[in-house]
Amino acid sequence: DDYSILVKLVAAGGLSNTIINDGPFTVFAPNNRAFVRLMYELQTDIEGLINLPILTDVLFYHFLSGYKLTYDLNTGAYTTLKSDAQTWFLNADNYVAAQGFAVSGMNIVDQQHDKANVIIGNAEAANGVVHVVD
């Protein structure tokens, strides 16, 4: 149940059908711990996140177009599906490919210079792939 906040936000943002029917997508999915940190920083709660006027954009900031497994990701800037095509920087310089889903040595730095580590990778779905960020 480490993704219950993300699931609630996706439903509230009206993105459930998009995620299920469109794609392919590469999603960097924040776990609950990441959302708890965000709520603390913003001094809000889950209802505050749900009621954000820019909720859909916030969620699409975690989406890339296409199907990218961890070994397809190189260090560099990536354009998100956010409405203004905002970018973030992925650092894969210390990434070492390994079997299984655990990931280390890969992180994302956003426009505010906040860093999130990719901790689980390559969870494949019918229309894309999910990587978990903290």
N, C-alpha and C. Protein backbone atom coordinates (compact mmCIF):
# COMPACT_ATOMS: atom_id res chain seq x y z
N ASP A 1 0.83 -1.19 0.00
CA ASP A 1 0.00 0.00 0.00
C ASP A 1 0.88 1.26 0.00
N ASP A 2 2.09 1.12 -0.52
CA ASP A 2 3.03 2.22 -0.50
C ASP A 2 2.74 3.26 -1.59
N TYR A 3 1.69 3.04 -2.37
CA TYR A 3 1.36 3.96 -3.47
C TYR A 3 -0.07 4.46 -3.38
N SER A 4 -0.68 4.33 -2.21
CA SER A 4 -2.09 4.70 -2.05
C SER A 4 -2.32 6.19 -2.29
N ILE A 5 -1.38 7.04 -1.91
CA ILE A 5 -1.55 8.48 -2.14
C ILE A 5 -1.53 8.78 -3.63
N LEU A 6 -0.59 8.18 -4.33
CA LEU A 6 -0.52 8.37 -5.79
C LEU A 6 -1.80 7.91 -6.46
N VAL A 7 -2.32 6.77 -6.05
CA VAL A 7 -3.56 6.25 -6.64
C VAL A 7 -4.71 7.22 -6.40
N LYS A 8 -4.81 7.78 -5.19
CA LYS A 8 -5.87 8.75 -4.89
C LYS A 8 -5.73 10.00 -5.76
N LEU A 9 -4.50 10.48 -5.92
CA LEU A 9 -4.28 11.69 -6.71
C LEU A 9 -4.55 11.45 -8.19
N VAL A 10 -4.18 10.30 -8.70
CA VAL A 10 -4.46 9.98 -10.11
C VAL A 10 -5.97 9.96 -10.34
N ALA A 11 -6.71 9.34 -9.43
CA ALA A 11 -8.17 9.31 -9.55
C ALA A 11 -8.75 10.71 -9.45
N ALA A 12 -8.29 11.50 -8.48
CA ALA A 12 -8.80 12.85 -8.30
C ALA A 12 -8.47 13.74 -9.49
N GLY A 13 -7.33 13.51 -10.12
CA GLY A 13 -6.93 14.30 -11.28
C GLY A 13 -7.57 13.85 -12.57
N GLY A 14 -8.39 12.80 -12.49
CA GLY A 14 -9.09 12.32 -13.69
C GLY A 14 -8.17 11.64 -14.69
N LEU A 15 -7.08 11.07 -14.22
CA LEU A 15 -6.10 10.47 -15.13
C LEU A 15 -6.17 8.95 -15.23
N SER A 16 -7.08 8.34 -14.50
CA SER A 16 -7.14 6.87 -14.50
C SER A 16 -7.32 6.31 -15.90
N ASN A 17 -8.26 6.84 -16.67
CA ASN A 17 -8.48 6.33 -18.03
C ASN A 17 -7.29 6.59 -18.94
N THR A 18 -6.67 7.75 -18.79
CA THR A 18 -5.50 8.08 -19.59
C THR A 18 -4.39 7.07 -19.34
N ILE A 19 -4.13 6.78 -18.08
CA ILE A 19 -3.06 5.86 -17.73
C ILE A 19 -3.37 4.45 -18.23
N ILE A 20 -4.62 4.06 -18.17
CA ILE A 20 -5.00 2.71 -18.58
C ILE A 20 -5.05 2.57 -20.09
N ASN A 21 -5.55 3.58 -20.79
CA ASN A 21 -5.85 3.43 -22.22
C ASN A 21 -4.84 4.05 -23.18
N ASP A 22 -4.06 5.01 -22.73
CA ASP A 22 -3.14 5.69 -23.63
C ASP A 22 -1.72 5.15 -23.42
N GLY A 23 -0.78 5.81 -24.02
CA GLY A 23 0.60 5.42 -23.82
C GLY A 23 1.27 5.12 -25.15
N PRO A 24 2.45 4.60 -25.13
CA PRO A 24 3.15 4.14 -23.94
C PRO A 24 3.74 5.30 -23.14
N PHE A 25 3.84 5.05 -21.83
CA PHE A 25 4.37 6.02 -20.89
C PHE A 25 5.52 5.41 -20.10
N THR A 26 6.42 6.27 -19.66
CA THR A 26 7.37 5.92 -18.61
C THR A 26 7.00 6.81 -17.44
N VAL A 27 6.67 6.19 -16.33
CA VAL A 27 6.18 6.91 -15.15
C VAL A 27 7.19 6.78 -14.02
N PHE A 28 7.54 7.90 -13.43
CA PHE A 28 8.37 7.93 -12.24
C PHE A 28 7.42 8.18 -11.08
N ALA A 29 7.02 7.10 -10.43
CA ALA A 29 5.93 7.12 -9.45
C ALA A 29 6.46 7.35 -8.04
N PRO A 30 6.09 8.48 -7.43
CA PRO A 30 6.49 8.72 -6.04
C PRO A 30 5.78 7.75 -5.09
N ASN A 31 6.52 7.23 -4.12
CA ASN A 31 5.89 6.38 -3.12
C ASN A 31 5.26 7.27 -2.05
N ASN A 32 4.55 6.66 -1.11
CA ASN A 32 3.87 7.44 -0.07
C ASN A 32 4.84 8.30 0.74
N ARG A 33 6.02 7.79 1.01
CA ARG A 33 7.00 8.56 1.78
C ARG A 33 7.34 9.88 1.07
N ALA A 34 7.45 9.83 -0.25
CA ALA A 34 7.73 11.05 -1.02
C ALA A 34 6.58 12.05 -0.88
N PHE A 35 5.36 11.56 -0.92
CA PHE A 35 4.21 12.47 -0.78
C PHE A 35 4.10 13.03 0.63
N VAL A 36 4.43 12.24 1.64
CA VAL A 36 4.41 12.75 3.01
C VAL A 36 5.42 13.88 3.16
N ARG A 37 6.61 13.72 2.59
CA ARG A 37 7.60 14.80 2.61
C ARG A 37 7.08 16.04 1.90
N LEU A 38 6.45 15.84 0.74
CA LEU A 38 5.89 16.96 -0.01
C LEU A 38 4.82 17.69 0.80
N MET A 39 3.92 16.93 1.42
CA MET A 39 2.86 17.56 2.21
C MET A 39 3.45 18.34 3.38
N TYR A 40 4.50 17.82 3.98
CA TYR A 40 5.18 18.54 5.08
C TYR A 40 5.78 19.85 4.55
N GLU A 41 6.46 19.78 3.42
CA GLU A 41 7.08 20.98 2.84
C GLU A 41 6.04 22.03 2.47
N LEU A 42 4.89 21.58 1.95
CA LEU A 42 3.84 22.50 1.53
C LEU A 42 2.89 22.87 2.66
N GLN A 43 3.07 22.25 3.83
CA GLN A 43 2.19 22.47 4.97
C GLN A 43 0.73 22.22 4.58
N THR A 44 0.50 21.05 4.00
CA THR A 44 -0.85 20.67 3.57
C THR A 44 -1.06 19.19 3.88
N ASP A 45 -2.22 18.70 3.50
CA ASP A 45 -2.55 17.28 3.68
C ASP A 45 -3.02 16.72 2.35
N ILE A 46 -3.50 15.49 2.36
CA ILE A 46 -3.92 14.83 1.12
C ILE A 46 -5.04 15.61 0.45
N GLU A 47 -5.96 16.17 1.23
CA GLU A 47 -7.05 16.96 0.64
C GLU A 47 -6.50 18.21 -0.05
N GLY A 48 -5.48 18.81 0.55
CA GLY A 48 -4.85 19.96 -0.09
C GLY A 48 -4.23 19.61 -1.42
N LEU A 49 -3.59 18.44 -1.50
CA LEU A 49 -3.03 17.99 -2.78
C LEU A 49 -4.13 17.70 -3.79
N ILE A 50 -5.17 17.03 -3.35
CA ILE A 50 -6.28 16.69 -4.24
C ILE A 50 -6.91 17.95 -4.83
N ASN A 51 -6.96 19.00 -4.04
CA ASN A 51 -7.61 20.24 -4.47
C ASN A 51 -6.68 21.23 -5.18
N LEU A 52 -5.45 20.82 -5.43
CA LEU A 52 -4.54 21.70 -6.17
C LEU A 52 -5.10 21.96 -7.57
N PRO A 53 -5.20 23.21 -7.99
CA PRO A 53 -5.69 23.50 -9.34
C PRO A 53 -4.77 22.93 -10.43
N ILE A 54 -3.52 22.69 -10.07
CA ILE A 54 -2.55 22.19 -11.05
C ILE A 54 -2.23 20.70 -10.83
N LEU A 55 -3.13 19.97 -10.19
CA LEU A 55 -2.88 18.57 -9.86
C LEU A 55 -2.50 17.74 -11.10
N THR A 56 -3.24 17.90 -12.18
CA THR A 56 -2.94 17.13 -13.39
C THR A 56 -1.53 17.42 -13.89
N ASP A 57 -1.14 18.68 -13.90
CA ASP A 57 0.22 19.03 -14.31
C ASP A 57 1.26 18.45 -13.37
N VAL A 58 0.98 18.48 -12.07
CA VAL A 58 1.91 17.91 -11.11
C VAL A 58 2.11 16.42 -11.40
N LEU A 59 1.03 15.73 -11.68
CA LEU A 59 1.14 14.30 -11.99
C LEU A 59 1.86 14.06 -13.31
N PHE A 60 1.51 14.82 -14.34
CA PHE A 60 2.16 14.63 -15.64
C PHE A 60 3.65 15.01 -15.61
N TYR A 61 4.07 15.74 -14.60
CA TYR A 61 5.49 16.06 -14.43
C TYR A 61 6.30 14.78 -14.18
N HIS A 62 5.62 13.70 -13.78
CA HIS A 62 6.26 12.42 -13.52
C HIS A 62 6.17 11.45 -14.69
N PHE A 63 5.63 11.92 -15.82
CA PHE A 63 5.44 11.08 -17.00
C PHE A 63 6.36 11.50 -18.13
N LEU A 64 6.93 10.50 -18.80
CA LEU A 64 7.64 10.71 -20.05
C LEU A 64 6.89 9.96 -21.13
N SER A 65 6.98 10.43 -22.34
CA SER A 65 6.41 9.72 -23.47
C SER A 65 7.32 8.55 -23.82
N GLY A 66 6.73 7.44 -24.16
CA GLY A 66 7.52 6.29 -24.59
C GLY A 66 7.77 5.29 -23.48
N TYR A 67 8.43 4.23 -23.86
CA TYR A 67 8.69 3.09 -23.00
C TYR A 67 10.19 3.02 -22.73
N LYS A 68 10.62 3.42 -21.53
CA LYS A 68 12.04 3.50 -21.23
C LYS A 68 12.37 2.70 -19.97
N LEU A 69 13.05 1.59 -20.17
CA LEU A 69 13.55 0.82 -19.04
C LEU A 69 14.77 1.52 -18.48
N THR A 70 15.21 1.14 -17.29
CA THR A 70 16.32 1.86 -16.66
C THR A 70 17.56 1.87 -17.55
N TYR A 71 17.84 0.78 -18.24
CA TYR A 71 19.04 0.76 -19.07
C TYR A 71 18.88 1.58 -20.35
N ASP A 72 17.69 2.08 -20.62
CA ASP A 72 17.46 2.99 -21.75
C ASP A 72 17.66 4.45 -21.36
N LEU A 73 17.78 4.71 -20.07
CA LEU A 73 17.87 6.08 -19.55
C LEU A 73 19.33 6.48 -19.39
N ASN A 74 19.69 7.57 -20.01
CA ASN A 74 21.04 8.11 -19.91
C ASN A 74 20.99 9.42 -19.15
N THR A 75 22.12 9.82 -18.61
CA THR A 75 22.21 11.11 -17.94
C THR A 75 21.84 12.22 -18.92
N GLY A 76 20.94 13.10 -18.49
CA GLY A 76 20.54 14.22 -19.33
C GLY A 76 19.17 14.75 -18.95
N ALA A 77 18.74 15.75 -19.70
CA ALA A 77 17.43 16.37 -19.47
C ALA A 77 16.35 15.57 -20.20
N TYR A 78 15.21 15.43 -19.55
CA TYR A 78 14.07 14.72 -20.11
C TYR A 78 12.85 15.64 -20.08
N THR A 79 12.10 15.65 -21.16
CA THR A 79 10.90 16.47 -21.27
C THR A 79 9.71 15.67 -20.77
N THR A 80 8.98 16.25 -19.82
CA THR A 80 7.83 15.59 -19.23
C THR A 80 6.58 15.83 -20.07
N LEU A 81 5.49 15.17 -19.68
CA LEU A 81 4.20 15.38 -20.34
C LEU A 81 3.40 16.50 -19.70
N LYS A 82 4.00 17.23 -18.78
CA LYS A 82 3.35 18.40 -18.18
C LYS A 82 2.97 19.36 -19.31
N SER A 83 1.90 20.11 -19.14
CA SER A 83 1.35 20.93 -20.22
C SER A 83 2.35 21.91 -20.82
N ASP A 84 3.32 22.37 -20.01
CA ASP A 84 4.32 23.30 -20.55
C ASP A 84 5.62 22.58 -20.93
N ALA A 85 5.57 21.24 -21.02
CA ALA A 85 6.71 20.42 -21.44
C ALA A 85 7.96 20.70 -20.60
N GLN A 86 7.75 20.88 -19.32
CA GLN A 86 8.87 21.15 -18.42
C GLN A 86 9.83 19.95 -18.39
N THR A 87 11.07 20.23 -18.11
CA THR A 87 12.07 19.16 -18.08
C THR A 87 12.58 18.95 -16.66
N TRP A 88 13.17 17.80 -16.45
CA TRP A 88 13.97 17.55 -15.26
C TRP A 88 15.21 16.81 -15.70
N PHE A 89 16.19 16.73 -14.82
CA PHE A 89 17.49 16.14 -15.15
C PHE A 89 17.62 14.79 -14.48
N LEU A 90 17.98 13.79 -15.26
CA LEU A 90 18.22 12.46 -14.73
C LEU A 90 19.72 12.22 -14.70
N ASN A 91 20.22 11.82 -13.54
CA ASN A 91 21.63 11.48 -13.39
C ASN A 91 21.73 9.97 -13.27
N ALA A 92 22.30 9.34 -14.29
CA ALA A 92 22.49 7.89 -14.29
C ALA A 92 23.97 7.53 -14.28
N ASP A 93 24.82 8.49 -13.93
CA ASP A 93 26.27 8.26 -13.98
C ASP A 93 26.71 7.11 -13.08
N ASN A 94 26.03 6.92 -11.95
CA ASN A 94 26.43 5.87 -11.02
C ASN A 94 25.52 4.64 -11.08
N TYR A 95 24.65 4.60 -12.07
CA TYR A 95 23.74 3.47 -12.21
C TYR A 95 24.50 2.26 -12.74
N VAL A 96 24.27 1.13 -12.09
CA VAL A 96 24.83 -0.13 -12.54
C VAL A 96 23.66 -1.08 -12.74
N ALA A 97 23.51 -1.58 -13.94
CA ALA A 97 22.41 -2.49 -14.24
C ALA A 97 22.53 -3.76 -13.39
N ALA A 98 21.41 -4.18 -12.84
CA ALA A 98 21.38 -5.39 -12.03
C ALA A 98 20.09 -6.14 -12.32
N GLN A 99 20.05 -7.39 -11.96
CA GLN A 99 18.83 -8.16 -12.14
C GLN A 99 17.83 -7.78 -11.06
N GLY A 100 16.56 -7.96 -11.39
CA GLY A 100 15.53 -7.63 -10.42
C GLY A 100 15.06 -6.20 -10.57
N PHE A 101 14.32 -5.74 -9.59
CA PHE A 101 13.70 -4.42 -9.66
C PHE A 101 14.44 -3.34 -8.87
N ALA A 102 15.34 -3.72 -7.99
CA ALA A 102 16.05 -2.73 -7.17
C ALA A 102 16.95 -1.87 -8.06
N VAL A 103 16.96 -0.58 -7.77
CA VAL A 103 17.78 0.36 -8.54
C VAL A 103 18.61 1.18 -7.56
N SER A 104 19.85 1.41 -7.92
CA SER A 104 20.67 2.34 -7.16
C SER A 104 21.55 3.12 -8.13
N GLY A 105 21.97 4.29 -7.69
CA GLY A 105 22.85 5.10 -8.52
C GLY A 105 22.17 5.91 -9.59
N MET A 106 20.84 6.08 -9.48
CA MET A 106 20.08 6.87 -10.46
C MET A 106 19.18 7.82 -9.70
N ASN A 107 19.20 9.09 -10.08
CA ASN A 107 18.32 10.05 -9.42
C ASN A 107 17.86 11.12 -10.40
N ILE A 108 16.82 11.82 -9.97
CA ILE A 108 16.21 12.89 -10.76
C ILE A 108 16.35 14.19 -9.98
N VAL A 109 16.71 15.25 -10.68
CA VAL A 109 16.77 16.58 -10.08
C VAL A 109 15.75 17.45 -10.81
N ASP A 110 14.80 18.01 -10.06
CA ASP A 110 13.74 18.78 -10.70
C ASP A 110 14.11 20.25 -10.84
N GLN A 111 13.16 21.04 -11.33
CA GLN A 111 13.39 22.46 -11.58
C GLN A 111 13.69 23.26 -10.30
N GLN A 112 13.26 22.74 -9.14
CA GLN A 112 13.52 23.40 -7.87
C GLN A 112 14.81 22.86 -7.22
N HIS A 113 15.53 22.02 -7.94
CA HIS A 113 16.78 21.40 -7.49
C HIS A 113 16.57 20.38 -6.39
N ASP A 114 15.34 19.87 -6.26
CA ASP A 114 15.08 18.77 -5.34
C ASP A 114 15.47 17.47 -6.02
N LYS A 115 16.02 16.54 -5.24
CA LYS A 115 16.49 15.28 -5.80
C LYS A 115 15.65 14.13 -5.29
N ALA A 116 15.29 13.23 -6.18
CA ALA A 116 14.59 12.00 -5.83
C ALA A 116 15.38 10.83 -6.40
N ASN A 117 15.53 9.80 -5.60
CA ASN A 117 16.24 8.60 -6.04
C ASN A 117 15.28 7.63 -6.69
N VAL A 118 15.72 7.03 -7.78
CA VAL A 118 14.97 5.93 -8.38
C VAL A 118 15.34 4.70 -7.55
N ILE A 119 14.34 4.08 -6.89
CA ILE A 119 14.64 2.98 -5.98
C ILE A 119 14.12 1.63 -6.48
N ILE A 120 13.14 1.66 -7.35
CA ILE A 120 12.61 0.45 -7.98
C ILE A 120 12.43 0.77 -9.44
N GLY A 121 12.81 -0.14 -10.30
CA GLY A 121 12.69 0.13 -11.73
C GLY A 121 12.09 -1.01 -12.51
N ASN A 122 11.66 -0.66 -13.71
CA ASN A 122 11.27 -1.65 -14.71
C ASN A 122 10.03 -2.47 -14.37
N ALA A 123 9.08 -1.87 -13.67
CA ALA A 123 7.79 -2.53 -13.45
C ALA A 123 6.98 -2.33 -14.72
N GLU A 124 6.95 -3.36 -15.55
CA GLU A 124 6.34 -3.23 -16.87
C GLU A 124 4.83 -3.41 -16.82
N ALA A 125 4.15 -2.61 -17.61
CA ALA A 125 2.70 -2.66 -17.74
C ALA A 125 2.35 -2.77 -19.22
N ALA A 126 1.08 -2.95 -19.52
CA ALA A 126 0.65 -3.12 -20.91
C ALA A 126 0.96 -1.89 -21.75
N ASN A 127 0.94 -0.71 -21.14
CA ASN A 127 1.15 0.52 -21.92
C ASN A 127 2.32 1.36 -21.41
N GLY A 128 3.27 0.72 -20.77
CA GLY A 128 4.43 1.47 -20.32
C GLY A 128 5.19 0.78 -19.23
N VAL A 129 6.01 1.58 -18.58
CA VAL A 129 6.88 1.06 -17.52
C VAL A 129 6.88 2.06 -16.37
N VAL A 130 7.00 1.55 -15.14
CA VAL A 130 6.99 2.38 -13.96
C VAL A 130 8.31 2.22 -13.22
N HIS A 131 8.84 3.35 -12.78
CA HIS A 131 10.01 3.39 -11.91
C HIS A 131 9.57 4.14 -10.66
N VAL A 132 9.90 3.62 -9.49
CA VAL A 132 9.49 4.23 -8.23
C VAL A 132 10.58 5.18 -7.75
N VAL A 133 10.15 6.37 -7.34
CA VAL A 133 11.07 7.37 -6.77
C VAL A 133 10.66 7.65 -5.34
N ASP A 134 11.68 7.98 -4.55
CA ASP A 134 11.42 8.32 -3.14
C ASP A 134 11.24 9.79 -3.01
